Amino acid sequence: MKNWLRATTALASSAIFMVRPAFAQSAPVIEPLAGGGIETIISAIQNVINWMLMIAGVLAVAYLVYAGILYITAPGGKTDVAKNMIINAITGIVIIVLSYVIVNTAMSLMG
């Protein structure tokens, strides 16, 4: 219980410092649907997808940090679970980045 509390506290305090600069980056802006047309619908869909990918990226990085904390605080040689979590988090981050590239490439070709 004590290790879980330490890991949760460390994750929460490190997430504060990681999330704040991430939101300082240029975030996609949801534009109003004024004027109508297919371009505004495509733009709205692209904005929603970008926001979802940004949230997924933040969650994947938080999961990676949590797995790192578990790896560091694992007793003895019992780091197998943490290693699998780290591999899963890195795989998720790669998939999120690739999906961002694919979505933005497809949307730029459409409009």
N, C-alpha and C. Protein backbone atom coordinates (compact mmCIF):
# COMPACT_ATOMS: atom_id res chain seq x y z
N MET A 1 0.82 -1.19 0.00
CA MET A 1 0.00 0.00 0.00
C MET A 1 0.86 1.25 0.00
N LYS A 2 1.96 1.19 0.74
CA LYS A 2 2.83 2.34 0.83
C LYS A 2 3.50 2.62 -0.51
N ASN A 3 3.93 1.55 -1.22
CA ASN A 3 4.56 1.74 -2.53
C ASN A 3 3.56 2.28 -3.54
N TRP A 4 2.32 1.82 -3.46
CA TRP A 4 1.30 2.31 -4.37
C TRP A 4 1.06 3.80 -4.16
N LEU A 5 1.04 4.23 -2.91
CA LEU A 5 0.84 5.64 -2.60
C LEU A 5 2.02 6.48 -3.10
N ARG A 6 3.22 5.97 -2.93
CA ARG A 6 4.40 6.69 -3.44
C ARG A 6 4.36 6.79 -4.96
N ALA A 7 4.02 5.68 -5.62
CA ALA A 7 3.98 5.68 -7.08
C ALA A 7 2.91 6.64 -7.59
N THR A 8 1.76 6.66 -6.95
CA THR A 8 0.68 7.56 -7.37
C THR A 8 1.06 9.02 -7.15
N THR A 9 1.68 9.30 -6.04
CA THR A 9 2.11 10.67 -5.75
C THR A 9 3.18 11.12 -6.74
N ALA A 10 4.13 10.24 -7.03
CA ALA A 10 5.18 10.59 -7.99
C ALA A 10 4.60 10.78 -9.38
N LEU A 11 3.66 9.94 -9.78
CA LEU A 11 3.04 10.08 -11.09
C LEU A 11 2.26 11.38 -11.19
N ALA A 12 1.50 11.71 -10.17
CA ALA A 12 0.71 12.94 -10.20
C ALA A 12 1.59 14.18 -10.23
N SER A 13 2.66 14.18 -9.43
CA SER A 13 3.52 15.36 -9.40
C SER A 13 4.31 15.50 -10.69
N SER A 14 4.73 14.39 -11.30
CA SER A 14 5.47 14.50 -12.55
C SER A 14 4.54 14.82 -13.71
N ALA A 15 3.29 14.39 -13.64
CA ALA A 15 2.33 14.70 -14.70
C ALA A 15 2.04 16.19 -14.77
N ILE A 16 2.08 16.86 -13.64
CA ILE A 16 1.84 18.30 -13.63
C ILE A 16 2.90 19.02 -14.46
N PHE A 17 4.14 18.59 -14.33
CA PHE A 17 5.22 19.25 -15.05
C PHE A 17 5.25 18.83 -16.51
N MET A 18 4.74 17.66 -16.84
CA MET A 18 4.77 17.19 -18.23
C MET A 18 3.59 17.71 -19.02
N VAL A 19 2.42 17.81 -18.42
CA VAL A 19 1.23 18.21 -19.15
C VAL A 19 1.23 19.70 -19.43
N ARG A 20 1.72 20.47 -18.52
CA ARG A 20 1.69 21.92 -18.68
C ARG A 20 2.46 22.38 -19.92
N PRO A 21 3.71 21.93 -20.16
CA PRO A 21 4.38 22.34 -21.41
C PRO A 21 3.70 21.76 -22.65
N ALA A 22 3.07 20.60 -22.52
CA ALA A 22 2.41 20.01 -23.68
C ALA A 22 1.25 20.88 -24.14
N PHE A 23 0.53 21.50 -23.21
CA PHE A 23 -0.56 22.37 -23.59
C PHE A 23 -0.06 23.73 -24.06
N ALA A 24 1.19 24.06 -23.78
CA ALA A 24 1.74 25.32 -24.24
C ALA A 24 2.09 25.25 -25.73
N GLN A 25 2.17 24.03 -26.27
CA GLN A 25 2.45 23.87 -27.69
C GLN A 25 1.24 24.34 -28.49
N SER A 26 1.41 24.41 -29.80
CA SER A 26 0.30 24.86 -30.62
C SER A 26 -0.74 23.74 -30.70
N ALA A 27 -1.83 23.94 -30.02
CA ALA A 27 -2.91 22.96 -29.98
C ALA A 27 -3.88 23.25 -31.11
N PRO A 28 -4.50 22.21 -31.64
CA PRO A 28 -5.49 22.46 -32.69
C PRO A 28 -6.67 23.24 -32.13
N VAL A 29 -7.15 24.16 -32.91
CA VAL A 29 -8.24 25.03 -32.48
C VAL A 29 -9.51 24.58 -33.19
N ILE A 30 -10.57 24.42 -32.45
CA ILE A 30 -11.85 24.05 -33.05
C ILE A 30 -12.48 25.31 -33.61
N GLU A 31 -12.70 25.30 -34.91
CA GLU A 31 -13.25 26.46 -35.59
C GLU A 31 -14.77 26.35 -35.65
N PRO A 32 -15.45 27.48 -35.62
CA PRO A 32 -16.92 27.41 -35.74
C PRO A 32 -17.33 26.95 -37.14
N LEU A 33 -18.49 26.35 -37.23
CA LEU A 33 -18.98 25.85 -38.50
C LEU A 33 -19.75 26.91 -39.27
N ALA A 34 -19.19 28.10 -39.37
CA ALA A 34 -19.85 29.18 -40.10
C ALA A 34 -19.53 29.04 -41.58
N GLY A 35 -20.48 29.31 -42.42
CA GLY A 35 -20.24 29.27 -43.86
C GLY A 35 -20.65 27.95 -44.48
N GLY A 36 -20.68 26.88 -43.71
CA GLY A 36 -21.11 25.59 -44.23
C GLY A 36 -20.12 25.02 -45.23
N GLY A 37 -20.54 24.01 -45.91
CA GLY A 37 -19.71 23.39 -46.93
C GLY A 37 -18.93 22.20 -46.40
N ILE A 38 -18.42 21.42 -47.33
CA ILE A 38 -17.70 20.21 -46.97
C ILE A 38 -16.35 20.53 -46.32
N GLU A 39 -15.76 21.67 -46.65
CA GLU A 39 -14.47 22.04 -46.06
C GLU A 39 -14.58 22.24 -44.56
N THR A 40 -15.65 22.85 -44.11
CA THR A 40 -15.81 23.08 -42.68
C THR A 40 -16.09 21.77 -41.94
N ILE A 41 -16.79 20.86 -42.59
CA ILE A 41 -17.04 19.55 -41.96
C ILE A 41 -15.74 18.78 -41.85
N ILE A 42 -14.93 18.79 -42.90
CA ILE A 42 -13.64 18.10 -42.86
C ILE A 42 -12.74 18.74 -41.82
N SER A 43 -12.75 20.05 -41.73
CA SER A 43 -11.94 20.75 -40.73
C SER A 43 -12.39 20.41 -39.32
N ALA A 44 -13.70 20.34 -39.09
CA ALA A 44 -14.21 19.98 -37.77
C ALA A 44 -13.83 18.55 -37.40
N ILE A 45 -13.92 17.64 -38.35
CA ILE A 45 -13.53 16.24 -38.10
C ILE A 45 -12.05 16.16 -37.79
N GLN A 46 -11.25 16.89 -38.55
CA GLN A 46 -9.80 16.88 -38.31
C GLN A 46 -9.47 17.46 -36.93
N ASN A 47 -10.16 18.51 -36.52
CA ASN A 47 -9.93 19.08 -35.19
C ASN A 47 -10.29 18.11 -34.08
N VAL A 48 -11.42 17.41 -34.22
CA VAL A 48 -11.83 16.45 -33.22
C VAL A 48 -10.82 15.30 -33.14
N ILE A 49 -10.38 14.81 -34.28
CA ILE A 49 -9.39 13.72 -34.30
C ILE A 49 -8.08 14.18 -33.68
N ASN A 50 -7.64 15.39 -33.99
CA ASN A 50 -6.40 15.90 -33.40
C ASN A 50 -6.49 16.02 -31.89
N TRP A 51 -7.64 16.48 -31.38
CA TRP A 51 -7.82 16.57 -29.93
C TRP A 51 -7.81 15.19 -29.29
N MET A 52 -8.46 14.23 -29.92
CA MET A 52 -8.48 12.87 -29.38
C MET A 52 -7.07 12.27 -29.36
N LEU A 53 -6.30 12.51 -30.42
CA LEU A 53 -4.94 11.99 -30.47
C LEU A 53 -4.05 12.68 -29.43
N MET A 54 -4.28 13.97 -29.19
CA MET A 54 -3.50 14.67 -28.18
C MET A 54 -3.79 14.11 -26.78
N ILE A 55 -5.06 13.85 -26.50
CA ILE A 55 -5.42 13.28 -25.20
C ILE A 55 -4.84 11.87 -25.07
N ALA A 56 -4.92 11.08 -26.14
CA ALA A 56 -4.35 9.73 -26.11
C ALA A 56 -2.84 9.79 -25.90
N GLY A 57 -2.17 10.76 -26.50
CA GLY A 57 -0.73 10.90 -26.32
C GLY A 57 -0.36 11.24 -24.89
N VAL A 58 -1.11 12.14 -24.29
CA VAL A 58 -0.85 12.51 -22.89
C VAL A 58 -1.07 11.30 -21.98
N LEU A 59 -2.13 10.54 -22.23
CA LEU A 59 -2.39 9.35 -21.42
C LEU A 59 -1.31 8.29 -21.61
N ALA A 60 -0.82 8.13 -22.85
CA ALA A 60 0.23 7.15 -23.10
C ALA A 60 1.52 7.53 -22.41
N VAL A 61 1.86 8.81 -22.41
CA VAL A 61 3.06 9.26 -21.72
C VAL A 61 2.90 9.09 -20.21
N ALA A 62 1.72 9.37 -19.68
CA ALA A 62 1.48 9.16 -18.25
C ALA A 62 1.60 7.68 -17.90
N TYR A 63 1.11 6.81 -18.77
CA TYR A 63 1.23 5.37 -18.57
C TYR A 63 2.69 4.94 -18.59
N LEU A 64 3.47 5.54 -19.48
CA LEU A 64 4.90 5.25 -19.55
C LEU A 64 5.62 5.68 -18.28
N VAL A 65 5.27 6.83 -17.77
CA VAL A 65 5.87 7.32 -16.52
C VAL A 65 5.48 6.40 -15.36
N TYR A 66 4.22 5.99 -15.32
CA TYR A 66 3.77 5.08 -14.26
C TYR A 66 4.52 3.75 -14.34
N ALA A 67 4.70 3.24 -15.56
CA ALA A 67 5.44 1.98 -15.73
C ALA A 67 6.90 2.15 -15.30
N GLY A 68 7.48 3.30 -15.59
CA GLY A 68 8.84 3.56 -15.15
C GLY A 68 8.96 3.60 -13.64
N ILE A 69 7.98 4.19 -13.00
CA ILE A 69 7.98 4.23 -11.53
C ILE A 69 7.85 2.82 -10.97
N LEU A 70 6.97 2.01 -11.59
CA LEU A 70 6.84 0.62 -11.15
C LEU A 70 8.15 -0.15 -11.35
N TYR A 71 8.83 0.13 -12.45
CA TYR A 71 10.09 -0.54 -12.73
C TYR A 71 11.15 -0.17 -11.69
N ILE A 72 11.19 1.09 -11.34
CA ILE A 72 12.18 1.55 -10.37
C ILE A 72 11.89 1.02 -8.97
N THR A 73 10.62 0.96 -8.61
CA THR A 73 10.26 0.55 -7.25
C THR A 73 9.99 -0.95 -7.13
N ALA A 74 10.21 -1.72 -8.18
CA ALA A 74 9.93 -3.16 -8.12
C ALA A 74 10.93 -3.85 -7.19
N PRO A 75 10.41 -4.74 -6.34
CA PRO A 75 11.31 -5.43 -5.40
C PRO A 75 12.09 -6.53 -6.11
N GLY A 76 13.38 -6.58 -5.86
CA GLY A 76 14.22 -7.64 -6.41
C GLY A 76 14.24 -7.66 -7.92
N GLY A 77 14.02 -8.83 -8.48
CA GLY A 77 14.04 -8.98 -9.93
C GLY A 77 12.66 -9.09 -10.53
N LYS A 78 11.64 -8.61 -9.85
CA LYS A 78 10.26 -8.72 -10.32
C LYS A 78 9.88 -7.51 -11.16
N THR A 79 10.55 -7.33 -12.27
CA THR A 79 10.29 -6.18 -13.13
C THR A 79 9.61 -6.57 -14.43
N ASP A 80 9.15 -7.82 -14.54
CA ASP A 80 8.56 -8.28 -15.80
C ASP A 80 7.29 -7.51 -16.16
N VAL A 81 6.45 -7.27 -15.19
CA VAL A 81 5.20 -6.55 -15.45
C VAL A 81 5.49 -5.12 -15.90
N ALA A 82 6.43 -4.48 -15.24
CA ALA A 82 6.78 -3.10 -15.60
C ALA A 82 7.42 -3.05 -16.99
N LYS A 83 8.24 -4.03 -17.32
CA LYS A 83 8.84 -4.07 -18.66
C LYS A 83 7.77 -4.20 -19.74
N ASN A 84 6.78 -5.07 -19.50
CA ASN A 84 5.70 -5.21 -20.47
C ASN A 84 4.88 -3.92 -20.58
N MET A 85 4.68 -3.24 -19.47
CA MET A 85 3.95 -1.97 -19.51
C MET A 85 4.73 -0.92 -20.30
N ILE A 86 6.04 -0.88 -20.13
CA ILE A 86 6.87 0.08 -20.87
C ILE A 86 6.81 -0.22 -22.37
N ILE A 87 6.90 -1.50 -22.74
CA ILE A 87 6.82 -1.88 -24.15
C ILE A 87 5.45 -1.49 -24.72
N ASN A 88 4.39 -1.75 -23.96
CA ASN A 88 3.05 -1.38 -24.42
C ASN A 88 2.89 0.13 -24.56
N ALA A 89 3.44 0.89 -23.64
CA ALA A 89 3.33 2.36 -23.70
C ALA A 89 4.09 2.91 -24.91
N ILE A 90 5.28 2.39 -25.15
CA ILE A 90 6.05 2.87 -26.31
C ILE A 90 5.35 2.48 -27.61
N THR A 91 4.80 1.28 -27.66
CA THR A 91 4.04 0.86 -28.84
C THR A 91 2.84 1.77 -29.05
N GLY A 92 2.15 2.11 -27.98
CA GLY A 92 1.01 3.02 -28.09
C GLY A 92 1.40 4.40 -28.57
N ILE A 93 2.52 4.91 -28.08
CA ILE A 93 2.98 6.23 -28.51
C ILE A 93 3.33 6.22 -30.00
N VAL A 94 3.98 5.15 -30.45
CA VAL A 94 4.32 5.04 -31.88
C VAL A 94 3.05 4.98 -32.72
N ILE A 95 2.07 4.22 -32.28
CA ILE A 95 0.80 4.12 -33.03
C ILE A 95 0.09 5.47 -33.06
N ILE A 96 0.10 6.20 -31.97
CA ILE A 96 -0.54 7.51 -31.91
C ILE A 96 0.14 8.49 -32.86
N VAL A 97 1.47 8.49 -32.87
CA VAL A 97 2.20 9.40 -33.77
C VAL A 97 1.93 9.04 -35.23
N LEU A 98 1.97 7.75 -35.54
CA LEU A 98 1.70 7.33 -36.92
C LEU A 98 0.27 7.65 -37.33
N SER A 99 -0.69 7.48 -36.45
CA SER A 99 -2.07 7.80 -36.80
C SER A 99 -2.24 9.31 -37.00
N TYR A 100 -1.52 10.11 -36.22
CA TYR A 100 -1.57 11.57 -36.42
C TYR A 100 -1.06 11.93 -37.81
N VAL A 101 0.06 11.33 -38.19
CA VAL A 101 0.63 11.60 -39.51
C VAL A 101 -0.32 11.15 -40.62
N ILE A 102 -0.89 9.96 -40.47
CA ILE A 102 -1.80 9.44 -41.50
C ILE A 102 -3.05 10.29 -41.63
N VAL A 103 -3.64 10.66 -40.50
CA VAL A 103 -4.86 11.47 -40.53
C VAL A 103 -4.61 12.83 -41.15
N ASN A 104 -3.53 13.49 -40.75
CA ASN A 104 -3.26 14.82 -41.30
C ASN A 104 -2.86 14.77 -42.77
N THR A 105 -2.17 13.71 -43.18
CA THR A 105 -1.84 13.56 -44.60
C THR A 105 -3.11 13.32 -45.41
N ALA A 106 -3.99 12.45 -44.94
CA ALA A 106 -5.23 12.17 -45.65
C ALA A 106 -6.12 13.41 -45.71
N MET A 107 -6.19 14.14 -44.62
CA MET A 107 -7.04 15.33 -44.62
C MET A 107 -6.48 16.44 -45.52
N SER A 108 -5.16 16.54 -45.59
CA SER A 108 -4.59 17.57 -46.48
C SER A 108 -4.78 17.18 -47.95
N LEU A 109 -4.82 15.90 -48.25
CA LEU A 109 -5.08 15.48 -49.62
C LEU A 109 -6.54 15.68 -50.00
N MET A 110 -7.44 15.61 -49.02
CA MET A 110 -8.87 15.78 -49.29
C MET A 110 -9.23 17.25 -49.49
N GLY A 111 -8.58 18.12 -48.76
CA GLY A 111 -9.02 19.51 -48.82
C GLY A 111 -7.91 20.37 -49.17
